[in-house]
Amino acid sequence: GEQLERELVESARRQGTRIIGPNS
């Protein structure tokens, strides 16, 4: 899960999206 979380954040940052969470 930690790697999945990191990949999510990396992907979102590249497209200019900020992530609130996950697990919120």
PDBML (XML) file of the C-alpha atoms, coordinates in Angstrom:
<?xml version="1.0" encoding="UTF-8" ?>
<PDBx:datablock datablockName="MODEL"
   xmlns:PDBx="http://pdbml.pdb.org/schema/pdbx-v50.xsd"
   xmlns:xsi="http://www.w3.org/2001/XMLSchema-instance"
   xsi:schemaLocation="http://pdbml.pdb.org/schema/pdbx-v50.xsd pdbx-v50.xsd">
   <PDBx:atom_siteCategory>
      <PDBx:atom_site id="1">
         <PDBx:B_iso_or_equiv>0.00</PDBx:B_iso_or_equiv>
         <PDBx:Cartn_x>0.000</PDBx:Cartn_x>
         <PDBx:Cartn_y>0.000</PDBx:Cartn_y>
         <PDBx:Cartn_z>0.000</PDBx:Cartn_z>
         <PDBx:auth_asym_id>A</PDBx:auth_asym_id>
         <PDBx:auth_atom_id>CA</PDBx:auth_atom_id>
         <PDBx:auth_comp_id>GLY</PDBx:auth_comp_id>
         <PDBx:auth_seq_id>1</PDBx:auth_seq_id>
         <PDBx:group_PDB>ATOM</PDBx:group_PDB>
         <PDBx:label_alt_id xsi:nil="true" />
         <PDBx:label_asym_id>A</PDBx:label_asym_id>
         <PDBx:label_atom_id>CA</PDBx:label_atom_id>
         <PDBx:label_comp_id>GLY</PDBx:label_comp_id>
         <PDBx:label_entity_id>1</PDBx:label_entity_id>
         <PDBx:label_seq_id>1</PDBx:label_seq_id>
         <PDBx:occupancy>1.00</PDBx:occupancy>
         <PDBx:pdbx_PDB_model_num>1</PDBx:pdbx_PDB_model_num>
         <PDBx:type_symbol>C</PDBx:type_symbol>
      </PDBx:atom_site>
      <PDBx:atom_site id="2">
         <PDBx:B_iso_or_equiv>0.00</PDBx:B_iso_or_equiv>
         <PDBx:Cartn_x>2.804</PDBx:Cartn_x>
         <PDBx:Cartn_y>2.450</PDBx:Cartn_y>
         <PDBx:Cartn_z>0.721</PDBx:Cartn_z>
         <PDBx:auth_asym_id>A</PDBx:auth_asym_id>
         <PDBx:auth_atom_id>CA</PDBx:auth_atom_id>
         <PDBx:auth_comp_id>GLU</PDBx:auth_comp_id>
         <PDBx:auth_seq_id>2</PDBx:auth_seq_id>
         <PDBx:group_PDB>ATOM</PDBx:group_PDB>
         <PDBx:label_alt_id xsi:nil="true" />
         <PDBx:label_asym_id>A</PDBx:label_asym_id>
         <PDBx:label_atom_id>CA</PDBx:label_atom_id>
         <PDBx:label_comp_id>GLU</PDBx:label_comp_id>
         <PDBx:label_entity_id>1</PDBx:label_entity_id>
         <PDBx:label_seq_id>2</PDBx:label_seq_id>
         <PDBx:occupancy>1.00</PDBx:occupancy>
         <PDBx:pdbx_PDB_model_num>1</PDBx:pdbx_PDB_model_num>
         <PDBx:type_symbol>C</PDBx:type_symbol>
      </PDBx:atom_site>
      <PDBx:atom_site id="3">
         <PDBx:B_iso_or_equiv>0.00</PDBx:B_iso_or_equiv>
         <PDBx:Cartn_x>4.125</PDBx:Cartn_x>
         <PDBx:Cartn_y>2.116</PDBx:Cartn_y>
         <PDBx:Cartn_z>-2.813</PDBx:Cartn_z>
         <PDBx:auth_asym_id>A</PDBx:auth_asym_id>
         <PDBx:auth_atom_id>CA</PDBx:auth_atom_id>
         <PDBx:auth_comp_id>GLN</PDBx:auth_comp_id>
         <PDBx:auth_seq_id>3</PDBx:auth_seq_id>
         <PDBx:group_PDB>ATOM</PDBx:group_PDB>
         <PDBx:label_alt_id xsi:nil="true" />
         <PDBx:label_asym_id>A</PDBx:label_asym_id>
         <PDBx:label_atom_id>CA</PDBx:label_atom_id>
         <PDBx:label_comp_id>GLN</PDBx:label_comp_id>
         <PDBx:label_entity_id>1</PDBx:label_entity_id>
         <PDBx:label_seq_id>3</PDBx:label_seq_id>
         <PDBx:occupancy>1.00</PDBx:occupancy>
         <PDBx:pdbx_PDB_model_num>1</PDBx:pdbx_PDB_model_num>
         <PDBx:type_symbol>C</PDBx:type_symbol>
      </PDBx:atom_site>
      <PDBx:atom_site id="4">
         <PDBx:B_iso_or_equiv>0.00</PDBx:B_iso_or_equiv>
         <PDBx:Cartn_x>0.602</PDBx:Cartn_x>
         <PDBx:Cartn_y>2.491</PDBx:Cartn_y>
         <PDBx:Cartn_z>-4.211</PDBx:Cartn_z>
         <PDBx:auth_asym_id>A</PDBx:auth_asym_id>
         <PDBx:auth_atom_id>CA</PDBx:auth_atom_id>
         <PDBx:auth_comp_id>LEU</PDBx:auth_comp_id>
         <PDBx:auth_seq_id>4</PDBx:auth_seq_id>
         <PDBx:group_PDB>ATOM</PDBx:group_PDB>
         <PDBx:label_alt_id xsi:nil="true" />
         <PDBx:label_asym_id>A</PDBx:label_asym_id>
         <PDBx:label_atom_id>CA</PDBx:label_atom_id>
         <PDBx:label_comp_id>LEU</PDBx:label_comp_id>
         <PDBx:label_entity_id>1</PDBx:label_entity_id>
         <PDBx:label_seq_id>4</PDBx:label_seq_id>
         <PDBx:occupancy>1.00</PDBx:occupancy>
         <PDBx:pdbx_PDB_model_num>1</PDBx:pdbx_PDB_model_num>
         <PDBx:type_symbol>C</PDBx:type_symbol>
      </PDBx:atom_site>
      <PDBx:atom_site id="5">
         <PDBx:B_iso_or_equiv>0.00</PDBx:B_iso_or_equiv>
         <PDBx:Cartn_x>0.159</PDBx:Cartn_x>
         <PDBx:Cartn_y>5.632</PDBx:Cartn_y>
         <PDBx:Cartn_z>-2.126</PDBx:Cartn_z>
         <PDBx:auth_asym_id>A</PDBx:auth_asym_id>
         <PDBx:auth_atom_id>CA</PDBx:auth_atom_id>
         <PDBx:auth_comp_id>GLU</PDBx:auth_comp_id>
         <PDBx:auth_seq_id>5</PDBx:auth_seq_id>
         <PDBx:group_PDB>ATOM</PDBx:group_PDB>
         <PDBx:label_alt_id xsi:nil="true" />
         <PDBx:label_asym_id>A</PDBx:label_asym_id>
         <PDBx:label_atom_id>CA</PDBx:label_atom_id>
         <PDBx:label_comp_id>GLU</PDBx:label_comp_id>
         <PDBx:label_entity_id>1</PDBx:label_entity_id>
         <PDBx:label_seq_id>5</PDBx:label_seq_id>
         <PDBx:occupancy>1.00</PDBx:occupancy>
         <PDBx:pdbx_PDB_model_num>1</PDBx:pdbx_PDB_model_num>
         <PDBx:type_symbol>C</PDBx:type_symbol>
      </PDBx:atom_site>
      <PDBx:atom_site id="6">
         <PDBx:B_iso_or_equiv>0.00</PDBx:B_iso_or_equiv>
         <PDBx:Cartn_x>3.469</PDBx:Cartn_x>
         <PDBx:Cartn_y>7.031</PDBx:Cartn_y>
         <PDBx:Cartn_z>-3.336</PDBx:Cartn_z>
         <PDBx:auth_asym_id>A</PDBx:auth_asym_id>
         <PDBx:auth_atom_id>CA</PDBx:auth_atom_id>
         <PDBx:auth_comp_id>ARG</PDBx:auth_comp_id>
         <PDBx:auth_seq_id>6</PDBx:auth_seq_id>
         <PDBx:group_PDB>ATOM</PDBx:group_PDB>
         <PDBx:label_alt_id xsi:nil="true" />
         <PDBx:label_asym_id>A</PDBx:label_asym_id>
         <PDBx:label_atom_id>CA</PDBx:label_atom_id>
         <PDBx:label_comp_id>ARG</PDBx:label_comp_id>
         <PDBx:label_entity_id>1</PDBx:label_entity_id>
         <PDBx:label_seq_id>6</PDBx:label_seq_id>
         <PDBx:occupancy>1.00</PDBx:occupancy>
         <PDBx:pdbx_PDB_model_num>1</PDBx:pdbx_PDB_model_num>
         <PDBx:type_symbol>C</PDBx:type_symbol>
      </PDBx:atom_site>
      <PDBx:atom_site id="7">
         <PDBx:B_iso_or_equiv>0.00</PDBx:B_iso_or_equiv>
         <PDBx:Cartn_x>2.597</PDBx:Cartn_x>
         <PDBx:Cartn_y>6.344</PDBx:Cartn_y>
         <PDBx:Cartn_z>-6.963</PDBx:Cartn_z>
         <PDBx:auth_asym_id>A</PDBx:auth_asym_id>
         <PDBx:auth_atom_id>CA</PDBx:auth_atom_id>
         <PDBx:auth_comp_id>GLU</PDBx:auth_comp_id>
         <PDBx:auth_seq_id>7</PDBx:auth_seq_id>
         <PDBx:group_PDB>ATOM</PDBx:group_PDB>
         <PDBx:label_alt_id xsi:nil="true" />
         <PDBx:label_asym_id>A</PDBx:label_asym_id>
         <PDBx:label_atom_id>CA</PDBx:label_atom_id>
         <PDBx:label_comp_id>GLU</PDBx:label_comp_id>
         <PDBx:label_entity_id>1</PDBx:label_entity_id>
         <PDBx:label_seq_id>7</PDBx:label_seq_id>
         <PDBx:occupancy>1.00</PDBx:occupancy>
         <PDBx:pdbx_PDB_model_num>1</PDBx:pdbx_PDB_model_num>
         <PDBx:type_symbol>C</PDBx:type_symbol>
      </PDBx:atom_site>
      <PDBx:atom_site id="8">
         <PDBx:B_iso_or_equiv>0.00</PDBx:B_iso_or_equiv>
         <PDBx:Cartn_x>-0.736</PDBx:Cartn_x>
         <PDBx:Cartn_y>8.111</PDBx:Cartn_y>
         <PDBx:Cartn_z>-6.487</PDBx:Cartn_z>
         <PDBx:auth_asym_id>A</PDBx:auth_asym_id>
         <PDBx:auth_atom_id>CA</PDBx:auth_atom_id>
         <PDBx:auth_comp_id>LEU</PDBx:auth_comp_id>
         <PDBx:auth_seq_id>8</PDBx:auth_seq_id>
         <PDBx:group_PDB>ATOM</PDBx:group_PDB>
         <PDBx:label_alt_id xsi:nil="true" />
         <PDBx:label_asym_id>A</PDBx:label_asym_id>
         <PDBx:label_atom_id>CA</PDBx:label_atom_id>
         <PDBx:label_comp_id>LEU</PDBx:label_comp_id>
         <PDBx:label_entity_id>1</PDBx:label_entity_id>
         <PDBx:label_seq_id>8</PDBx:label_seq_id>
         <PDBx:occupancy>1.00</PDBx:occupancy>
         <PDBx:pdbx_PDB_model_num>1</PDBx:pdbx_PDB_model_num>
         <PDBx:type_symbol>C</PDBx:type_symbol>
      </PDBx:atom_site>
      <PDBx:atom_site id="9">
         <PDBx:B_iso_or_equiv>0.00</PDBx:B_iso_or_equiv>
         <PDBx:Cartn_x>0.911</PDBx:Cartn_x>
         <PDBx:Cartn_y>11.222</PDBx:Cartn_y>
         <PDBx:Cartn_z>-5.079</PDBx:Cartn_z>
         <PDBx:auth_asym_id>A</PDBx:auth_asym_id>
         <PDBx:auth_atom_id>CA</PDBx:auth_atom_id>
         <PDBx:auth_comp_id>VAL</PDBx:auth_comp_id>
         <PDBx:auth_seq_id>9</PDBx:auth_seq_id>
         <PDBx:group_PDB>ATOM</PDBx:group_PDB>
         <PDBx:label_alt_id xsi:nil="true" />
         <PDBx:label_asym_id>A</PDBx:label_asym_id>
         <PDBx:label_atom_id>CA</PDBx:label_atom_id>
         <PDBx:label_comp_id>VAL</PDBx:label_comp_id>
         <PDBx:label_entity_id>1</PDBx:label_entity_id>
         <PDBx:label_seq_id>9</PDBx:label_seq_id>
         <PDBx:occupancy>1.00</PDBx:occupancy>
         <PDBx:pdbx_PDB_model_num>1</PDBx:pdbx_PDB_model_num>
         <PDBx:type_symbol>C</PDBx:type_symbol>
      </PDBx:atom_site>
      <PDBx:atom_site id="10">
         <PDBx:B_iso_or_equiv>0.00</PDBx:B_iso_or_equiv>
         <PDBx:Cartn_x>3.629</PDBx:Cartn_x>
         <PDBx:Cartn_y>11.226</PDBx:Cartn_y>
         <PDBx:Cartn_z>-7.740</PDBx:Cartn_z>
         <PDBx:auth_asym_id>A</PDBx:auth_asym_id>
         <PDBx:auth_atom_id>CA</PDBx:auth_atom_id>
         <PDBx:auth_comp_id>GLU</PDBx:auth_comp_id>
         <PDBx:auth_seq_id>10</PDBx:auth_seq_id>
         <PDBx:group_PDB>ATOM</PDBx:group_PDB>
         <PDBx:label_alt_id xsi:nil="true" />
         <PDBx:label_asym_id>A</PDBx:label_asym_id>
         <PDBx:label_atom_id>CA</PDBx:label_atom_id>
         <PDBx:label_comp_id>GLU</PDBx:label_comp_id>
         <PDBx:label_entity_id>1</PDBx:label_entity_id>
         <PDBx:label_seq_id>10</PDBx:label_seq_id>
         <PDBx:occupancy>1.00</PDBx:occupancy>
         <PDBx:pdbx_PDB_model_num>1</PDBx:pdbx_PDB_model_num>
         <PDBx:type_symbol>C</PDBx:type_symbol>
      </PDBx:atom_site>
      <PDBx:atom_site id="11">
         <PDBx:B_iso_or_equiv>0.00</PDBx:B_iso_or_equiv>
         <PDBx:Cartn_x>1.088</PDBx:Cartn_x>
         <PDBx:Cartn_y>10.908</PDBx:Cartn_y>
         <PDBx:Cartn_z>-10.537</PDBx:Cartn_z>
         <PDBx:auth_asym_id>A</PDBx:auth_asym_id>
         <PDBx:auth_atom_id>CA</PDBx:auth_atom_id>
         <PDBx:auth_comp_id>SER</PDBx:auth_comp_id>
         <PDBx:auth_seq_id>11</PDBx:auth_seq_id>
         <PDBx:group_PDB>ATOM</PDBx:group_PDB>
         <PDBx:label_alt_id xsi:nil="true" />
         <PDBx:label_asym_id>A</PDBx:label_asym_id>
         <PDBx:label_atom_id>CA</PDBx:label_atom_id>
         <PDBx:label_comp_id>SER</PDBx:label_comp_id>
         <PDBx:label_entity_id>1</PDBx:label_entity_id>
         <PDBx:label_seq_id>11</PDBx:label_seq_id>
         <PDBx:occupancy>1.00</PDBx:occupancy>
         <PDBx:pdbx_PDB_model_num>1</PDBx:pdbx_PDB_model_num>
         <PDBx:type_symbol>C</PDBx:type_symbol>
      </PDBx:atom_site>
      <PDBx:atom_site id="12">
         <PDBx:B_iso_or_equiv>0.00</PDBx:B_iso_or_equiv>
         <PDBx:Cartn_x>-1.141</PDBx:Cartn_x>
         <PDBx:Cartn_y>13.615</PDBx:Cartn_y>
         <PDBx:Cartn_z>-9.065</PDBx:Cartn_z>
         <PDBx:auth_asym_id>A</PDBx:auth_asym_id>
         <PDBx:auth_atom_id>CA</PDBx:auth_atom_id>
         <PDBx:auth_comp_id>ALA</PDBx:auth_comp_id>
         <PDBx:auth_seq_id>12</PDBx:auth_seq_id>
         <PDBx:group_PDB>ATOM</PDBx:group_PDB>
         <PDBx:label_alt_id xsi:nil="true" />
         <PDBx:label_asym_id>A</PDBx:label_asym_id>
         <PDBx:label_atom_id>CA</PDBx:label_atom_id>
         <PDBx:label_comp_id>ALA</PDBx:label_comp_id>
         <PDBx:label_entity_id>1</PDBx:label_entity_id>
         <PDBx:label_seq_id>12</PDBx:label_seq_id>
         <PDBx:occupancy>1.00</PDBx:occupancy>
         <PDBx:pdbx_PDB_model_num>1</PDBx:pdbx_PDB_model_num>
         <PDBx:type_symbol>C</PDBx:type_symbol>
      </PDBx:atom_site>
      <PDBx:atom_site id="13">
         <PDBx:B_iso_or_equiv>0.00</PDBx:B_iso_or_equiv>
         <PDBx:Cartn_x>1.713</PDBx:Cartn_x>
         <PDBx:Cartn_y>16.057</PDBx:Cartn_y>
         <PDBx:Cartn_z>-8.565</PDBx:Cartn_z>
         <PDBx:auth_asym_id>A</PDBx:auth_asym_id>
         <PDBx:auth_atom_id>CA</PDBx:auth_atom_id>
         <PDBx:auth_comp_id>ARG</PDBx:auth_comp_id>
         <PDBx:auth_seq_id>13</PDBx:auth_seq_id>
         <PDBx:group_PDB>ATOM</PDBx:group_PDB>
         <PDBx:label_alt_id xsi:nil="true" />
         <PDBx:label_asym_id>A</PDBx:label_asym_id>
         <PDBx:label_atom_id>CA</PDBx:label_atom_id>
         <PDBx:label_comp_id>ARG</PDBx:label_comp_id>
         <PDBx:label_entity_id>1</PDBx:label_entity_id>
         <PDBx:label_seq_id>13</PDBx:label_seq_id>
         <PDBx:occupancy>1.00</PDBx:occupancy>
         <PDBx:pdbx_PDB_model_num>1</PDBx:pdbx_PDB_model_num>
         <PDBx:type_symbol>C</PDBx:type_symbol>
      </PDBx:atom_site>
      <PDBx:atom_site id="14">
         <PDBx:B_iso_or_equiv>0.00</PDBx:B_iso_or_equiv>
         <PDBx:Cartn_x>2.846</PDBx:Cartn_x>
         <PDBx:Cartn_y>15.690</PDBx:Cartn_y>
         <PDBx:Cartn_z>-12.164</PDBx:Cartn_z>
         <PDBx:auth_asym_id>A</PDBx:auth_asym_id>
         <PDBx:auth_atom_id>CA</PDBx:auth_atom_id>
         <PDBx:auth_comp_id>ARG</PDBx:auth_comp_id>
         <PDBx:auth_seq_id>14</PDBx:auth_seq_id>
         <PDBx:group_PDB>ATOM</PDBx:group_PDB>
         <PDBx:label_alt_id xsi:nil="true" />
         <PDBx:label_asym_id>A</PDBx:label_asym_id>
         <PDBx:label_atom_id>CA</PDBx:label_atom_id>
         <PDBx:label_comp_id>ARG</PDBx:label_comp_id>
         <PDBx:label_entity_id>1</PDBx:label_entity_id>
         <PDBx:label_seq_id>14</PDBx:label_seq_id>
         <PDBx:occupancy>1.00</PDBx:occupancy>
         <PDBx:pdbx_PDB_model_num>1</PDBx:pdbx_PDB_model_num>
         <PDBx:type_symbol>C</PDBx:type_symbol>
      </PDBx:atom_site>
      <PDBx:atom_site id="15">
         <PDBx:B_iso_or_equiv>0.00</PDBx:B_iso_or_equiv>
         <PDBx:Cartn_x>-0.552</PDBx:Cartn_x>
         <PDBx:Cartn_y>16.854</PDBx:Cartn_y>
         <PDBx:Cartn_z>-13.332</PDBx:Cartn_z>
         <PDBx:auth_asym_id>A</PDBx:auth_asym_id>
         <PDBx:auth_atom_id>CA</PDBx:auth_atom_id>
         <PDBx:auth_comp_id>GLN</PDBx:auth_comp_id>
         <PDBx:auth_seq_id>15</PDBx:auth_seq_id>
         <PDBx:group_PDB>ATOM</PDBx:group_PDB>
         <PDBx:label_alt_id xsi:nil="true" />
         <PDBx:label_asym_id>A</PDBx:label_asym_id>
         <PDBx:label_atom_id>CA</PDBx:label_atom_id>
         <PDBx:label_comp_id>GLN</PDBx:label_comp_id>
         <PDBx:label_entity_id>1</PDBx:label_entity_id>
         <PDBx:label_seq_id>15</PDBx:label_seq_id>
         <PDBx:occupancy>1.00</PDBx:occupancy>
         <PDBx:pdbx_PDB_model_num>1</PDBx:pdbx_PDB_model_num>
         <PDBx:type_symbol>C</PDBx:type_symbol>
      </PDBx:atom_site>
      <PDBx:atom_site id="16">
         <PDBx:B_iso_or_equiv>0.00</PDBx:B_iso_or_equiv>
         <PDBx:Cartn_x>-0.857</PDBx:Cartn_x>
         <PDBx:Cartn_y>19.624</PDBx:Cartn_y>
         <PDBx:Cartn_z>-10.730</PDBx:Cartn_z>
         <PDBx:auth_asym_id>A</PDBx:auth_asym_id>
         <PDBx:auth_atom_id>CA</PDBx:auth_atom_id>
         <PDBx:auth_comp_id>GLY</PDBx:auth_comp_id>
         <PDBx:auth_seq_id>16</PDBx:auth_seq_id>
         <PDBx:group_PDB>ATOM</PDBx:group_PDB>
         <PDBx:label_alt_id xsi:nil="true" />
         <PDBx:label_asym_id>A</PDBx:label_asym_id>
         <PDBx:label_atom_id>CA</PDBx:label_atom_id>
         <PDBx:label_comp_id>GLY</PDBx:label_comp_id>
         <PDBx:label_entity_id>1</PDBx:label_entity_id>
         <PDBx:label_seq_id>16</PDBx:label_seq_id>
         <PDBx:occupancy>1.00</PDBx:occupancy>
         <PDBx:pdbx_PDB_model_num>1</PDBx:pdbx_PDB_model_num>
         <PDBx:type_symbol>C</PDBx:type_symbol>
      </PDBx:atom_site>
      <PDBx:atom_site id="17">
         <PDBx:B_iso_or_equiv>0.00</PDBx:B_iso_or_equiv>
         <PDBx:Cartn_x>-3.350</PDBx:Cartn_x>
         <PDBx:Cartn_y>17.912</PDBx:Cartn_y>
         <PDBx:Cartn_z>-8.397</PDBx:Cartn_z>
         <PDBx:auth_asym_id>A</PDBx:auth_asym_id>
         <PDBx:auth_atom_id>CA</PDBx:auth_atom_id>
         <PDBx:auth_comp_id>THR</PDBx:auth_comp_id>
         <PDBx:auth_seq_id>17</PDBx:auth_seq_id>
         <PDBx:group_PDB>ATOM</PDBx:group_PDB>
         <PDBx:label_alt_id xsi:nil="true" />
         <PDBx:label_asym_id>A</PDBx:label_asym_id>
         <PDBx:label_atom_id>CA</PDBx:label_atom_id>
         <PDBx:label_comp_id>THR</PDBx:label_comp_id>
         <PDBx:label_entity_id>1</PDBx:label_entity_id>
         <PDBx:label_seq_id>17</PDBx:label_seq_id>
         <PDBx:occupancy>1.00</PDBx:occupancy>
         <PDBx:pdbx_PDB_model_num>1</PDBx:pdbx_PDB_model_num>
         <PDBx:type_symbol>C</PDBx:type_symbol>
      </PDBx:atom_site>
      <PDBx:atom_site id="18">
         <PDBx:B_iso_or_equiv>0.00</PDBx:B_iso_or_equiv>
         <PDBx:Cartn_x>-2.880</PDBx:Cartn_x>
         <PDBx:Cartn_y>17.986</PDBx:Cartn_y>
         <PDBx:Cartn_z>-4.631</PDBx:Cartn_z>
         <PDBx:auth_asym_id>A</PDBx:auth_asym_id>
         <PDBx:auth_atom_id>CA</PDBx:auth_atom_id>
         <PDBx:auth_comp_id>ARG</PDBx:auth_comp_id>
         <PDBx:auth_seq_id>18</PDBx:auth_seq_id>
         <PDBx:group_PDB>ATOM</PDBx:group_PDB>
         <PDBx:label_alt_id xsi:nil="true" />
         <PDBx:label_asym_id>A</PDBx:label_asym_id>
         <PDBx:label_atom_id>CA</PDBx:label_atom_id>
         <PDBx:label_comp_id>ARG</PDBx:label_comp_id>
         <PDBx:label_entity_id>1</PDBx:label_entity_id>
         <PDBx:label_seq_id>18</PDBx:label_seq_id>
         <PDBx:occupancy>1.00</PDBx:occupancy>
         <PDBx:pdbx_PDB_model_num>1</PDBx:pdbx_PDB_model_num>
         <PDBx:type_symbol>C</PDBx:type_symbol>
      </PDBx:atom_site>
      <PDBx:atom_site id="19">
         <PDBx:B_iso_or_equiv>0.00</PDBx:B_iso_or_equiv>
         <PDBx:Cartn_x>-4.073</PDBx:Cartn_x>
         <PDBx:Cartn_y>14.956</PDBx:Cartn_y>
         <PDBx:Cartn_z>-2.672</PDBx:Cartn_z>
         <PDBx:auth_asym_id>A</PDBx:auth_asym_id>
         <PDBx:auth_atom_id>CA</PDBx:auth_atom_id>
         <PDBx:auth_comp_id>ILE</PDBx:auth_comp_id>
         <PDBx:auth_seq_id>19</PDBx:auth_seq_id>
         <PDBx:group_PDB>ATOM</PDBx:group_PDB>
         <PDBx:label_alt_id xsi:nil="true" />
         <PDBx:label_asym_id>A</PDBx:label_asym_id>
         <PDBx:label_atom_id>CA</PDBx:label_atom_id>
         <PDBx:label_comp_id>ILE</PDBx:label_comp_id>
         <PDBx:label_entity_id>1</PDBx:label_entity_id>
         <PDBx:label_seq_id>19</PDBx:label_seq_id>
         <PDBx:occupancy>1.00</PDBx:occupancy>
         <PDBx:pdbx_PDB_model_num>1</PDBx:pdbx_PDB_model_num>
         <PDBx:type_symbol>C</PDBx:type_symbol>
      </PDBx:atom_site>
      <PDBx:atom_site id="20">
         <PDBx:B_iso_or_equiv>0.00</PDBx:B_iso_or_equiv>
         <PDBx:Cartn_x>-5.968</PDBx:Cartn_x>
         <PDBx:Cartn_y>15.300</PDBx:Cartn_y>
         <PDBx:Cartn_z>0.624</PDBx:Cartn_z>
         <PDBx:auth_asym_id>A</PDBx:auth_asym_id>
         <PDBx:auth_atom_id>CA</PDBx:auth_atom_id>
         <PDBx:auth_comp_id>ILE</PDBx:auth_comp_id>
         <PDBx:auth_seq_id>20</PDBx:auth_seq_id>
         <PDBx:group_PDB>ATOM</PDBx:group_PDB>
         <PDBx:label_alt_id xsi:nil="true" />
         <PDBx:label_asym_id>A</PDBx:label_asym_id>
         <PDBx:label_atom_id>CA</PDBx:label_atom_id>
         <PDBx:label_comp_id>ILE</PDBx:label_comp_id>
         <PDBx:label_entity_id>1</PDBx:label_entity_id>
         <PDBx:label_seq_id>20</PDBx:label_seq_id>
         <PDBx:occupancy>1.00</PDBx:occupancy>
         <PDBx:pdbx_PDB_model_num>1</PDBx:pdbx_PDB_model_num>
         <PDBx:type_symbol>C</PDBx:type_symbol>
      </PDBx:atom_site>
      <PDBx:atom_site id="21">
         <PDBx:B_iso_or_equiv>0.00</PDBx:B_iso_or_equiv>
         <PDBx:Cartn_x>-5.697</PDBx:Cartn_x>
         <PDBx:Cartn_y>11.912</PDBx:Cartn_y>
         <PDBx:Cartn_z>2.350</PDBx:Cartn_z>
         <PDBx:auth_asym_id>A</PDBx:auth_asym_id>
         <PDBx:auth_atom_id>CA</PDBx:auth_atom_id>
         <PDBx:auth_comp_id>GLY</PDBx:auth_comp_id>
         <PDBx:auth_seq_id>21</PDBx:auth_seq_id>
         <PDBx:group_PDB>ATOM</PDBx:group_PDB>
         <PDBx:label_alt_id xsi:nil="true" />
         <PDBx:label_asym_id>A</PDBx:label_asym_id>
         <PDBx:label_atom_id>CA</PDBx:label_atom_id>
         <PDBx:label_comp_id>GLY</PDBx:label_comp_id>
         <PDBx:label_entity_id>1</PDBx:label_entity_id>
         <PDBx:label_seq_id>21</PDBx:label_seq_id>
         <PDBx:occupancy>1.00</PDBx:occupancy>
         <PDBx:pdbx_PDB_model_num>1</PDBx:pdbx_PDB_model_num>
         <PDBx:type_symbol>C</PDBx:type_symbol>
      </PDBx:atom_site>
      <PDBx:atom_site id="22">
         <PDBx:B_iso_or_equiv>0.00</PDBx:B_iso_or_equiv>
         <PDBx:Cartn_x>-5.949</PDBx:Cartn_x>
         <PDBx:Cartn_y>9.085</PDBx:Cartn_y>
         <PDBx:Cartn_z>1.488</PDBx:Cartn_z>
         <PDBx:auth_asym_id>A</PDBx:auth_asym_id>
         <PDBx:auth_atom_id>CA</PDBx:auth_atom_id>
         <PDBx:auth_comp_id>PRO</PDBx:auth_comp_id>
         <PDBx:auth_seq_id>22</PDBx:auth_seq_id>
         <PDBx:group_PDB>ATOM</PDBx:group_PDB>
         <PDBx:label_alt_id xsi:nil="true" />
         <PDBx:label_asym_id>A</PDBx:label_asym_id>
         <PDBx:label_atom_id>CA</PDBx:label_atom_id>
         <PDBx:label_comp_id>PRO</PDBx:label_comp_id>
         <PDBx:label_entity_id>1</PDBx:label_entity_id>
         <PDBx:label_seq_id>22</PDBx:label_seq_id>
         <PDBx:occupancy>1.00</PDBx:occupancy>
         <PDBx:pdbx_PDB_model_num>1</PDBx:pdbx_PDB_model_num>
         <PDBx:type_symbol>C</PDBx:type_symbol>
      </PDBx:atom_site>
      <PDBx:atom_site id="23">
         <PDBx:B_iso_or_equiv>0.00</PDBx:B_iso_or_equiv>
         <PDBx:Cartn_x>-7.962</PDBx:Cartn_x>
         <PDBx:Cartn_y>7.320</PDBx:Cartn_y>
         <PDBx:Cartn_z>4.185</PDBx:Cartn_z>
         <PDBx:auth_asym_id>A</PDBx:auth_asym_id>
         <PDBx:auth_atom_id>CA</PDBx:auth_atom_id>
         <PDBx:auth_comp_id>ASN</PDBx:auth_comp_id>
         <PDBx:auth_seq_id>23</PDBx:auth_seq_id>
         <PDBx:group_PDB>ATOM</PDBx:group_PDB>
         <PDBx:label_alt_id xsi:nil="true" />
         <PDBx:label_asym_id>A</PDBx:label_asym_id>
         <PDBx:label_atom_id>CA</PDBx:label_atom_id>
         <PDBx:label_comp_id>ASN</PDBx:label_comp_id>
         <PDBx:label_entity_id>1</PDBx:label_entity_id>
         <PDBx:label_seq_id>23</PDBx:label_seq_id>
         <PDBx:occupancy>1.00</PDBx:occupancy>
         <PDBx:pdbx_PDB_model_num>1</PDBx:pdbx_PDB_model_num>
         <PDBx:type_symbol>C</PDBx:type_symbol>
      </PDBx:atom_site>
      <PDBx:atom_site id="24">
         <PDBx:B_iso_or_equiv>0.00</PDBx:B_iso_or_equiv>
         <PDBx:Cartn_x>-9.915</PDBx:Cartn_x>
         <PDBx:Cartn_y>10.449</PDBx:Cartn_y>
         <PDBx:Cartn_z>5.011</PDBx:Cartn_z>
         <PDBx:auth_asym_id>A</PDBx:auth_asym_id>
         <PDBx:auth_atom_id>CA</PDBx:auth_atom_id>
         <PDBx:auth_comp_id>SER</PDBx:auth_comp_id>
         <PDBx:auth_seq_id>24</PDBx:auth_seq_id>
         <PDBx:group_PDB>ATOM</PDBx:group_PDB>
         <PDBx:label_alt_id xsi:nil="true" />
         <PDBx:label_asym_id>A</PDBx:label_asym_id>
         <PDBx:label_atom_id>CA</PDBx:label_atom_id>
         <PDBx:label_comp_id>SER</PDBx:label_comp_id>
         <PDBx:label_entity_id>1</PDBx:label_entity_id>
         <PDBx:label_seq_id>24</PDBx:label_seq_id>
         <PDBx:occupancy>1.00</PDBx:occupancy>
         <PDBx:pdbx_PDB_model_num>1</PDBx:pdbx_PDB_model_num>
         <PDBx:type_symbol>C</PDBx:type_symbol>
      </PDBx:atom_site>
   </PDBx:atom_siteCategory>
</PDBx:datablock>
